[in-house]
Amino acid sequence: MATSLAAMAARRAANLTRLTPSISSTTRASSLISRRGLAGAADHHGPPKIDCWKDPMSPSQWKEEHFVIVSLTGWGLLIGGLYKFFTRGKKEEEVL
């Protein structure tokens, strides 16, 4: 808690020093651009994920977005197929 408060105070002090009027406007604008810090987009934990078409029998190794797409497609096909199956026999009779 104390370290986060100290870090927050340090960030505020750094921002205040960046906004002093003695700095030119272009330098001031570039200093307000946020930095990604510890975003960690390149830090992978565990084995690398693969595309679903490279190994279709092991969904635990698929990329997350491929797993979602395949899962939603499967549910859509199942629900659509069940709907067609159960509503197929109900045909309207023509009255002459």
PDB file of N, CA and C in Angstrom:
ATOM      1  N   MET A   1       0.831  -1.182   0.000  1.00  0.00           N
ATOM      2  CA  MET A   1       0.000   0.000   0.000  1.00  0.00           C
ATOM      3  C   MET A   1       0.879   1.250   0.000  1.00  0.00           C
ATOM      4  N   ALA A   2       1.890   1.229   0.872  1.00  0.00           N
ATOM      5  CA  ALA A   2       2.759   2.399   0.968  1.00  0.00           C
ATOM      6  C   ALA A   2       3.588   2.568  -0.291  1.00  0.00           C
ATOM      7  N   THR A   3       3.993   1.452  -0.877  1.00  0.00           N
ATOM      8  CA  THR A   3       4.795   1.547  -2.101  1.00  0.00           C
ATOM      9  C   THR A   3       3.954   2.056  -3.262  1.00  0.00           C
ATOM     10  N   SER A   4       2.671   1.661  -3.306  1.00  0.00           N
ATOM     11  CA  SER A   4       1.825   2.149  -4.394  1.00  0.00           C
ATOM     12  C   SER A   4       1.520   3.637  -4.212  1.00  0.00           C
ATOM     13  N   LEU A   5       1.382   4.074  -2.975  1.00  0.00           N
ATOM     14  CA  LEU A   5       1.164   5.504  -2.734  1.00  0.00           C
ATOM     15  C   LEU A   5       2.411   6.307  -3.093  1.00  0.00           C
ATOM     16  N   ALA A   6       3.571   5.752  -2.780  1.00  0.00           N
ATOM     17  CA  ALA A   6       4.818   6.435  -3.117  1.00  0.00           C
ATOM     18  C   ALA A   6       5.003   6.477  -4.629  1.00  0.00           C
ATOM     19  N   ALA A   7       4.659   5.402  -5.299  1.00  0.00           N
ATOM     20  CA  ALA A   7       4.773   5.372  -6.761  1.00  0.00           C
ATOM     21  C   ALA A   7       3.799   6.360  -7.394  1.00  0.00           C
ATOM     22  N   MET A   8       2.586   6.443  -6.847  1.00  0.00           N
ATOM     23  CA  MET A   8       1.598   7.389  -7.373  1.00  0.00           C
ATOM     24  C   MET A   8       2.068   8.826  -7.158  1.00  0.00           C
ATOM     25  N   ALA A   9       2.629   9.106  -6.013  1.00  0.00           N
ATOM     26  CA  ALA A   9       3.136  10.450  -5.746  1.00  0.00           C
ATOM     27  C   ALA A   9       4.309  10.781  -6.669  1.00  0.00           C
ATOM     28  N   ALA A  10       5.157   9.807  -6.932  1.00  0.00           N
ATOM     29  CA  ALA A  10       6.291  10.030  -7.834  1.00  0.00           C
ATOM     30  C   ALA A  10       5.810  10.295  -9.257  1.00  0.00           C
ATOM     31  N   ARG A  11       4.778   9.561  -9.696  1.00  0.00           N
ATOM     32  CA  ARG A  11       4.229   9.803 -11.035  1.00  0.00           C
ATOM     33  C   ARG A  11       3.622  11.188 -11.145  1.00  0.00           C
ATOM     34  N   ARG A  12       2.909  11.605 -10.106  1.00  0.00           N
ATOM     35  CA  ARG A  12       2.304  12.943 -10.125  1.00  0.00           C
ATOM     36  C   ARG A  12       3.376  14.029 -10.162  1.00  0.00           C
ATOM     37  N   ALA A  13       4.424  13.828  -9.395  1.00  0.00           N
ATOM     38  CA  ALA A  13       5.508  14.811  -9.386  1.00  0.00           C
ATOM     39  C   ALA A  13       6.192  14.850 -10.752  1.00  0.00           C
ATOM     40  N   ALA A  14       6.384  13.706 -11.362  1.00  0.00           N
ATOM     41  CA  ALA A  14       6.999  13.670 -12.687  1.00  0.00           C
ATOM     42  C   ALA A  14       6.103  14.343 -13.716  1.00  0.00           C
ATOM     43  N   ASN A  15       4.792  14.140 -13.620  1.00  0.00           N
ATOM     44  CA  ASN A  15       3.867  14.790 -14.545  1.00  0.00           C
ATOM     45  C   ASN A  15       3.865  16.304 -14.360  1.00  0.00           C
ATOM     46  N   LEU A  16       3.957  16.749 -13.112  1.00  0.00           N
ATOM     47  CA  LEU A  16       3.981  18.186 -12.865  1.00  0.00           C
ATOM     48  C   LEU A  16       5.255  18.824 -13.411  1.00  0.00           C
ATOM     49  N   THR A  17       6.364  18.115 -13.289  1.00  0.00           N
ATOM     50  CA  THR A  17       7.603  18.673 -13.820  1.00  0.00           C
ATOM     51  C   THR A  17       7.596  18.678 -15.344  1.00  0.00           C
ATOM     52  N   ARG A  18       6.877  17.745 -15.941  1.00  0.00           N
ATOM     53  CA  ARG A  18       6.775  17.726 -17.407  1.00  0.00           C
ATOM     54  C   ARG A  18       5.934  18.879 -17.924  1.00  0.00           C
ATOM     55  N   LEU A  19       5.008  19.340 -17.142  1.00  0.00           N
ATOM     56  CA  LEU A  19       4.071  20.367 -17.590  1.00  0.00           C
ATOM     57  C   LEU A  19       4.519  21.794 -17.271  1.00  0.00           C
ATOM     58  N   THR A  20       5.748  21.977 -16.897  1.00  0.00           N
ATOM     59  CA  THR A  20       6.212  23.327 -16.582  1.00  0.00           C
ATOM     60  C   THR A  20       6.221  24.173 -17.859  1.00  0.00           C
ATOM     61  N   PRO A  21       5.959  25.481 -17.753  1.00  0.00           N
ATOM     62  CA  PRO A  21       5.864  26.324 -18.936  1.00  0.00           C
ATOM     63  C   PRO A  21       7.209  26.560 -19.638  1.00  0.00           C
ATOM     64  N   SER A  22       8.321  26.223 -19.023  1.00  0.00           N
ATOM     65  CA  SER A  22       9.614  26.467 -19.656  1.00  0.00           C
ATOM     66  C   SER A  22       9.907  25.473 -20.785  1.00  0.00           C
ATOM     67  N   ILE A  23       9.182  24.387 -20.836  1.00  0.00           N
ATOM     68  CA  ILE A  23       9.397  23.379 -21.873  1.00  0.00           C
ATOM     69  C   ILE A  23       8.614  23.788 -23.118  1.00  0.00           C
ATOM     70  N   SER A  24       9.182  23.562 -24.290  1.00  0.00           N
ATOM     71  CA  SER A  24       8.485  23.911 -25.522  1.00  0.00           C
ATOM     72  C   SER A  24       7.252  23.032 -25.698  1.00  0.00           C
ATOM     73  N   SER A  25       6.320  23.481 -26.542  1.00  0.00           N
ATOM     74  CA  SER A  25       5.049  22.774 -26.680  1.00  0.00           C
ATOM     75  C   SER A  25       5.210  21.401 -27.326  1.00  0.00           C
ATOM     76  N   THR A  26       6.153  21.247 -28.247  1.00  0.00           N
ATOM     77  CA  THR A  26       6.323  19.935 -28.878  1.00  0.00           C
ATOM     78  C   THR A  26       6.915  18.928 -27.902  1.00  0.00           C
ATOM     79  N   THR A  27       7.843  19.366 -27.083  1.00  0.00           N
ATOM     80  CA  THR A  27       8.417  18.475 -26.086  1.00  0.00           C
ATOM     81  C   THR A  27       7.372  18.124 -25.048  1.00  0.00           C
ATOM     82  N   ARG A  28       6.549  19.095 -24.682  1.00  0.00           N
ATOM     83  CA  ARG A  28       5.509  18.869 -23.685  1.00  0.00           C
ATOM     84  C   ARG A  28       4.479  17.874 -24.216  1.00  0.00           C
ATOM     85  N   ALA A  29       4.100  17.994 -25.487  1.00  0.00           N
ATOM     86  CA  ALA A  29       3.110  17.077 -26.050  1.00  0.00           C
ATOM     87  C   ALA A  29       3.663  15.660 -26.135  1.00  0.00           C
ATOM     88  N   SER A  30       4.908  15.518 -26.505  1.00  0.00           N
ATOM     89  CA  SER A  30       5.470  14.174 -26.612  1.00  0.00           C
ATOM     90  C   SER A  30       5.676  13.549 -25.241  1.00  0.00           C
ATOM     91  N   SER A  31       5.836  14.338 -24.208  1.00  0.00           N
ATOM     92  CA  SER A  31       6.036  13.767 -22.885  1.00  0.00           C
ATOM     93  C   SER A  31       4.725  13.284 -22.268  1.00  0.00           C
ATOM     94  N   LEU A  32       3.576  13.692 -22.820  1.00  0.00           N
ATOM     95  CA  LEU A  32       2.290  13.261 -22.281  1.00  0.00           C
ATOM     96  C   LEU A  32       1.825  11.932 -22.871  1.00  0.00           C
ATOM     97  N   ILE A  33       2.536  11.413 -23.853  1.00  0.00           N
ATOM     98  CA  ILE A  33       2.171  10.130 -24.438  1.00  0.00           C
ATOM     99  C   ILE A  33       2.432   9.041 -23.410  1.00  0.00           C
ATOM    100  N   SER A  34       1.409   8.206 -23.200  1.00  0.00           N
ATOM    101  CA  SER A  34       1.556   7.180 -22.169  1.00  0.00           C
ATOM    102  C   SER A  34       2.506   6.092 -22.639  1.00  0.00           C
ATOM    103  N   ARG A  35       3.193   5.533 -21.688  1.00  0.00           N
ATOM    104  CA  ARG A  35       4.107   4.441 -21.971  1.00  0.00           C
ATOM    105  C   ARG A  35       3.451   3.145 -21.521  1.00  0.00           C
ATOM    106  N   ARG A  36       3.754   2.059 -22.184  1.00  0.00           N
ATOM    107  CA  ARG A  36       3.085   0.799 -21.901  1.00  0.00           C
ATOM    108  C   ARG A  36       3.602   0.127 -20.628  1.00  0.00           C
ATOM    109  N   GLY A  37       4.736   0.494 -20.173  1.00  0.00           N
ATOM    110  CA  GLY A  37       5.226  -0.045 -18.913  1.00  0.00           C
ATOM    111  C   GLY A  37       5.336  -1.554 -18.890  1.00  0.00           C
ATOM    112  N   LEU A  38       4.559  -2.194 -18.041  1.00  0.00           N
ATOM    113  CA  LEU A  38       4.632  -3.635 -17.860  1.00  0.00           C
ATOM    114  C   LEU A  38       3.490  -4.352 -18.576  1.00  0.00           C
ATOM    115  N   ALA A  39       3.181  -3.942 -19.791  1.00  0.00           N
ATOM    116  CA  ALA A  39       2.069  -4.545 -20.517  1.00  0.00           C
ATOM    117  C   ALA A  39       2.318  -6.017 -20.773  1.00  0.00           C
ATOM    118  N   GLY A  40       3.535  -6.374 -21.108  1.00  0.00           N
ATOM    119  CA  GLY A  40       3.905  -7.776 -21.218  1.00  0.00           C
ATOM    120  C   GLY A  40       3.257  -8.525 -22.360  1.00  0.00           C
ATOM    121  N   ALA A  41       3.016  -7.885 -23.484  1.00  0.00           N
ATOM    122  CA  ALA A  41       2.392  -8.571 -24.604  1.00  0.00           C
ATOM    123  C   ALA A  41       3.298  -9.649 -25.180  1.00  0.00           C
ATOM    124  N   ALA A  42       4.583  -9.511 -25.068  1.00  0.00           N
ATOM    125  CA  ALA A  42       5.505 -10.482 -25.649  1.00  0.00           C
ATOM    126  C   ALA A  42       5.891 -11.574 -24.666  1.00  0.00           C
ATOM    127  N   ASP A  43       5.486 -11.468 -23.414  1.00  0.00           N
ATOM    128  CA  ASP A  43       5.843 -12.468 -22.413  1.00  0.00           C
ATOM    129  C   ASP A  43       4.800 -13.575 -22.407  1.00  0.00           C
ATOM    130  N   HIS A  44       5.139 -14.715 -23.005  1.00  0.00           N
ATOM    131  CA  HIS A  44       4.224 -15.837 -23.032  1.00  0.00           C
ATOM    132  C   HIS A  44       4.549 -16.781 -21.889  1.00  0.00           C
ATOM    133  N   HIS A  45       3.502 -17.278 -21.261  1.00  0.00           N
ATOM    134  CA  HIS A  45       3.670 -18.256 -20.199  1.00  0.00           C
ATOM    135  C   HIS A  45       3.171 -19.589 -20.722  1.00  0.00           C
ATOM    136  N   GLY A  46       3.991 -20.583 -20.673  1.00  0.00           N
ATOM    137  CA  GLY A  46       3.599 -21.893 -21.151  1.00  0.00           C
ATOM    138  C   GLY A  46       3.950 -22.087 -22.613  1.00  0.00           C
ATOM    139  N   PRO A  47       3.480 -23.191 -23.181  1.00  0.00           N
ATOM    140  CA  PRO A  47       3.812 -23.486 -24.580  1.00  0.00           C
ATOM    141  C   PRO A  47       3.095 -22.530 -25.520  1.00  0.00           C
ATOM    142  N   PRO A  48       3.671 -22.286 -26.681  1.00  0.00           N
ATOM    143  CA  PRO A  48       3.021 -21.369 -27.629  1.00  0.00           C
ATOM    144  C   PRO A  48       1.734 -21.973 -28.172  1.00  0.00           C
ATOM    145  N   LYS A  49       0.747 -21.123 -28.404  1.00  0.00           N
ATOM    146  CA  LYS A  49      -0.537 -21.565 -28.926  1.00  0.00           C
ATOM    147  C   LYS A  49      -0.449 -21.698 -30.444  1.00  0.00           C
ATOM    148  N   ILE A  50      -1.204 -22.628 -30.994  1.00  0.00           N
ATOM    149  CA  ILE A  50      -1.158 -22.876 -32.430  1.00  0.00           C
ATOM    150  C   ILE A  50      -2.530 -22.630 -33.041  1.00  0.00           C
ATOM    151  N   ASP A  51      -2.581 -22.563 -34.367  1.00  0.00           N
ATOM    152  CA  ASP A  51      -3.844 -22.372 -35.067  1.00  0.00           C
ATOM    153  C   ASP A  51      -4.667 -23.653 -35.002  1.00  0.00           C
ATOM    154  N   CYS A  52      -5.984 -23.514 -35.027  1.00  0.00           N
ATOM    155  CA  CYS A  52      -6.853 -24.676 -34.856  1.00  0.00           C
ATOM    156  C   CYS A  52      -6.763 -25.650 -36.018  1.00  0.00           C
ATOM    157  N   TRP A  53      -6.417 -25.184 -37.209  1.00  0.00           N
ATOM    158  CA  TRP A  53      -6.344 -26.094 -38.347  1.00  0.00           C
ATOM    159  C   TRP A  53      -5.029 -26.874 -38.398  1.00  0.00           C
ATOM    160  N   LYS A  54      -4.048 -26.469 -37.601  1.00  0.00           N
ATOM    161  CA  LYS A  54      -2.785 -27.201 -37.581  1.00  0.00           C
ATOM    162  C   LYS A  54      -2.871 -28.458 -36.718  1.00  0.00           C
ATOM    163  N   ASP A  55      -3.668 -28.421 -35.682  1.00  0.00           N
ATOM    164  CA  ASP A  55      -3.863 -29.591 -34.819  1.00  0.00           C
ATOM    165  C   ASP A  55      -5.314 -29.580 -34.329  1.00  0.00           C
ATOM    166  N   PRO A  56      -6.253 -30.029 -35.172  1.00  0.00           N
ATOM    167  CA  PRO A  56      -7.673 -29.899 -34.825  1.00  0.00           C
ATOM    168  C   PRO A  56      -8.137 -30.815 -33.692  1.00  0.00           C
ATOM    169  N   MET A  57      -7.353 -31.794 -33.302  1.00  0.00           N
ATOM    170  CA  MET A  57      -7.796 -32.728 -32.267  1.00  0.00           C
ATOM    171  C   MET A  57      -7.342 -32.348 -30.857  1.00  0.00           C
ATOM    172  N   SER A  58      -6.647 -31.244 -30.686  1.00  0.00           N
ATOM    173  CA  SER A  58      -6.241 -30.842 -29.336  1.00  0.00           C
ATOM    174  C   SER A  58      -6.573 -29.365 -29.102  1.00  0.00           C
ATOM    175  N   PRO A  59      -7.816 -29.094 -28.692  1.00  0.00           N
ATOM    176  CA  PRO A  59      -8.244 -27.702 -28.484  1.00  0.00           C
ATOM    177  C   PRO A  59      -7.511 -26.980 -27.357  1.00  0.00           C
ATOM    178  N   SER A  60      -6.836 -27.720 -26.480  1.00  0.00           N
ATOM    179  CA  SER A  60      -6.116 -27.049 -25.395  1.00  0.00           C
ATOM    180  C   SER A  60      -4.896 -26.291 -25.903  1.00  0.00           C
ATOM    181  N   GLN A  61      -4.431 -26.616 -27.116  1.00  0.00           N
ATOM    182  CA  GLN A  61      -3.271 -25.928 -27.679  1.00  0.00           C
ATOM    183  C   GLN A  61      -3.655 -24.813 -28.643  1.00  0.00           C
ATOM    184  N   TRP A  62      -4.955 -24.620 -28.915  1.00  0.00           N
ATOM    185  CA  TRP A  62      -5.397 -23.608 -29.865  1.00  0.00           C
ATOM    186  C   TRP A  62      -5.257 -22.211 -29.279  1.00  0.00           C
ATOM    187  N   LYS A  63      -5.170 -21.244 -30.168  1.00  0.00           N
ATOM    188  CA  LYS A  63      -5.241 -19.850 -29.741  1.00  0.00           C
ATOM    189  C   LYS A  63      -6.647 -19.592 -29.202  1.00  0.00           C
ATOM    190  N   GLU A  64      -6.746 -18.657 -28.277  1.00  0.00           N
ATOM    191  CA  GLU A  64      -8.024 -18.425 -27.617  1.00  0.00           C
ATOM    192  C   GLU A  64      -9.102 -17.974 -28.597  1.00  0.00           C
ATOM    193  N   GLU A  65      -8.733 -17.086 -29.536  1.00  0.00           N
ATOM    194  CA  GLU A  65      -9.753 -16.588 -30.467  1.00  0.00           C
ATOM    195  C   GLU A  65     -10.217 -17.679 -31.419  1.00  0.00           C
ATOM    196  N   HIS A  66      -9.342 -18.621 -31.764  1.00  0.00           N
ATOM    197  CA  HIS A  66      -9.756 -19.738 -32.608  1.00  0.00           C
ATOM    198  C   HIS A  66     -10.682 -20.664 -31.842  1.00  0.00           C
ATOM    199  N   PHE A  67     -10.394 -20.881 -30.571  1.00  0.00           N
ATOM    200  CA  PHE A  67     -11.255 -21.725 -29.744  1.00  0.00           C
ATOM    201  C   PHE A  67     -12.657 -21.128 -29.638  1.00  0.00           C
ATOM    202  N   VAL A  68     -12.734 -19.823 -29.472  1.00  0.00           N
ATOM    203  CA  VAL A  68     -14.035 -19.155 -29.367  1.00  0.00           C
ATOM    204  C   VAL A  68     -14.803 -19.286 -30.675  1.00  0.00           C
ATOM    205  N   ILE A  69     -14.134 -19.047 -31.801  1.00  0.00           N
ATOM    206  CA  ILE A  69     -14.808 -19.127 -33.093  1.00  0.00           C
ATOM    207  C   ILE A  69     -15.317 -20.543 -33.357  1.00  0.00           C
ATOM    208  N   VAL A  70     -14.487 -21.547 -33.107  1.00  0.00           N
ATOM    209  CA  VAL A  70     -14.895 -22.929 -33.343  1.00  0.00           C
ATOM    210  C   VAL A  70     -16.021 -23.324 -32.386  1.00  0.00           C
ATOM    211  N   SER A  71     -15.945 -22.921 -31.141  1.00  0.00           N
ATOM    212  CA  SER A  71     -16.985 -23.265 -30.168  1.00  0.00           C
ATOM    213  C   SER A  71     -18.320 -22.634 -30.538  1.00  0.00           C
ATOM    214  N   LEU A  72     -18.309 -21.345 -30.889  1.00  0.00           N
ATOM    215  CA  LEU A  72     -19.565 -20.685 -31.254  1.00  0.00           C
ATOM    216  C   LEU A  72     -20.141 -21.266 -32.536  1.00  0.00           C
ATOM    217  N   THR A  73     -19.282 -21.619 -33.495  1.00  0.00           N
ATOM    218  CA  THR A  73     -19.755 -22.242 -34.725  1.00  0.00           C
ATOM    219  C   THR A  73     -20.392 -23.601 -34.426  1.00  0.00           C
ATOM    220  N   GLY A  74     -19.772 -24.367 -33.560  1.00  0.00           N
ATOM    221  CA  GLY A  74     -20.330 -25.668 -33.183  1.00  0.00           C
ATOM    222  C   GLY A  74     -21.676 -25.545 -32.503  1.00  0.00           C
ATOM    223  N   TRP A  75     -21.795 -24.608 -31.564  1.00  0.00           N
ATOM    224  CA  TRP A  75     -23.083 -24.399 -30.899  1.00  0.00           C
ATOM    225  C   TRP A  75     -24.146 -23.927 -31.882  1.00  0.00           C
ATOM    226  N   GLY A  76     -23.763 -23.062 -32.807  1.00  0.00           N
ATOM    227  CA  GLY A  76     -24.719 -22.589 -33.811  1.00  0.00           C
ATOM    228  C   GLY A  76     -25.206 -23.714 -34.698  1.00  0.00           C
ATOM    229  N   LEU A  77     -24.283 -24.582 -35.129  1.00  0.00           N
ATOM    230  CA  LEU A  77     -24.681 -25.728 -35.956  1.00  0.00           C
ATOM    231  C   LEU A  77     -25.568 -26.696 -35.177  1.00  0.00           C
ATOM    232  N   LEU A  78     -25.249 -26.925 -33.918  1.00  0.00           N
ATOM    233  CA  LEU A  78     -26.059 -27.818 -33.096  1.00  0.00           C
ATOM    234  C   LEU A  78     -27.476 -27.273 -32.906  1.00  0.00           C
ATOM    235  N   ILE A  79     -27.587 -26.016 -32.525  1.00  0.00           N
ATOM    236  CA  ILE A  79     -28.907 -25.421 -32.289  1.00  0.00           C
ATOM    237  C   ILE A  79     -29.694 -25.332 -33.594  1.00  0.00           C
ATOM    238  N   GLY A  80     -29.028 -24.921 -34.675  1.00  0.00           N
ATOM    239  CA  GLY A  80     -29.713 -24.854 -35.968  1.00  0.00           C
ATOM    240  C   GLY A  80     -30.163 -26.217 -36.448  1.00  0.00           C
ATOM    241  N   GLY A  81     -29.311 -27.233 -36.284  1.00  0.00           N
ATOM    242  CA  GLY A  81     -29.676 -28.586 -36.680  1.00  0.00           C
ATOM    243  C   GLY A  81     -30.840 -29.135 -35.873  1.00  0.00           C
ATOM    244  N   LEU A  82     -30.813 -28.890 -34.561  1.00  0.00           N
ATOM    245  CA  LEU A  82     -31.929 -29.341 -33.726  1.00  0.00           C
ATOM    246  C   LEU A  82     -33.225 -28.630 -34.093  1.00  0.00           C
ATOM    247  N   TYR A  83     -33.140 -27.357 -34.390  1.00  0.00           N
ATOM    248  CA  TYR A  83     -34.334 -26.609 -34.790  1.00  0.00           C
ATOM    249  C   TYR A  83     -34.904 -27.179 -36.090  1.00  0.00           C
ATOM    250  N   LYS A  84     -34.043 -27.419 -37.061  1.00  0.00           N
ATOM    251  CA  LYS A  84     -34.502 -27.986 -38.330  1.00  0.00           C
ATOM    252  C   LYS A  84     -35.079 -29.384 -38.132  1.00  0.00           C
ATOM    253  N   PHE A  85     -34.442 -30.185 -37.279  1.00  0.00           N
ATOM    254  CA  PHE A  85     -34.912 -31.542 -37.048  1.00  0.00           C
ATOM    255  C   PHE A  85     -36.297 -31.549 -36.418  1.00  0.00           C
ATOM    256  N   PHE A  86     -36.515 -30.725 -35.405  1.00  0.00           N
ATOM    257  CA  PHE A  86     -37.788 -30.757 -34.693  1.00  0.00           C
ATOM    258  C   PHE A  86     -38.901 -29.990 -35.395  1.00  0.00           C
ATOM    259  N   THR A  87     -38.582 -29.079 -36.295  1.00  0.00           N
ATOM    260  CA  THR A  87     -39.638 -28.347 -37.007  1.00  0.00           C
ATOM    261  C   THR A  87     -39.858 -28.876 -38.407  1.00  0.00           C
ATOM    262  N   ARG A  88     -39.143 -29.893 -38.826  1.00  0.00           N
ATOM    263  CA  ARG A  88     -39.247 -30.419 -40.183  1.00  0.00           C
ATOM    264  C   ARG A  88     -40.568 -31.146 -40.401  1.00  0.00           C
ATOM    265  N   GLY A  89     -41.071 -31.851 -39.431  1.00  0.00           N
ATOM    266  CA  GLY A  89     -42.282 -32.664 -39.600  1.00  0.00           C
ATOM    267  C   GLY A  89     -43.565 -31.865 -39.557  1.00  0.00           C
ATOM    268  N   LYS A  90     -43.541 -30.622 -39.172  1.00  0.00           N
ATOM    269  CA  LYS A  90     -44.747 -29.814 -39.044  1.00  0.00           C
ATOM    270  C   LYS A  90     -44.985 -29.032 -40.319  1.00  0.00           C
ATOM    271  N   LYS A  91     -45.635 -29.672 -41.277  1.00  0.00           N
ATOM    272  CA  LYS A  91     -45.927 -28.996 -42.541  1.00  0.00           C
ATOM    273  C   LYS A  91     -47.367 -28.490 -42.487  1.00  0.00           C
ATOM    274  N   GLU A  92     -47.575 -27.359 -43.090  1.00  0.00           N
ATOM    275  CA  GLU A  92     -48.934 -26.805 -43.136  1.00  0.00           C
ATOM    276  C   GLU A  92     -49.750 -27.540 -44.198  1.00  0.00           C
ATOM    277  N   GLU A  93     -50.947 -27.902 -43.854  1.00  0.00           N
ATOM    278  CA  GLU A  93     -51.823 -28.585 -44.798  1.00  0.00           C
ATOM    279  C   GLU A  93     -52.589 -27.567 -45.616  1.00  0.00           C
ATOM    280  N   GLU A  94     -52.690 -27.836 -46.897  1.00  0.00           N
ATOM    281  CA  GLU A  94     -53.433 -26.921 -47.774  1.00  0.00           C
ATOM    282  C   GLU A  94     -54.907 -27.281 -47.732  1.00  0.00           C
ATOM    283  N   VAL A  95     -55.720 -26.258 -47.627  1.00  0.00           N
ATOM    284  CA  VAL A  95     -57.167 -26.462 -47.630  1.00  0.00           C
ATOM    285  C   VAL A  95     -57.673 -26.210 -49.041  1.00  0.00           C
ATOM    286  N   LEU A  96     -58.393 -27.184 -49.617  1.00  0.00           N
ATOM    287  CA  LEU A  96     -58.907 -27.044 -50.985  1.00  0.00           C
ATOM    288  C   LEU A  96     -60.227 -26.373 -51.035  1.00  0.00           C
TER     289      LEU A  96
END
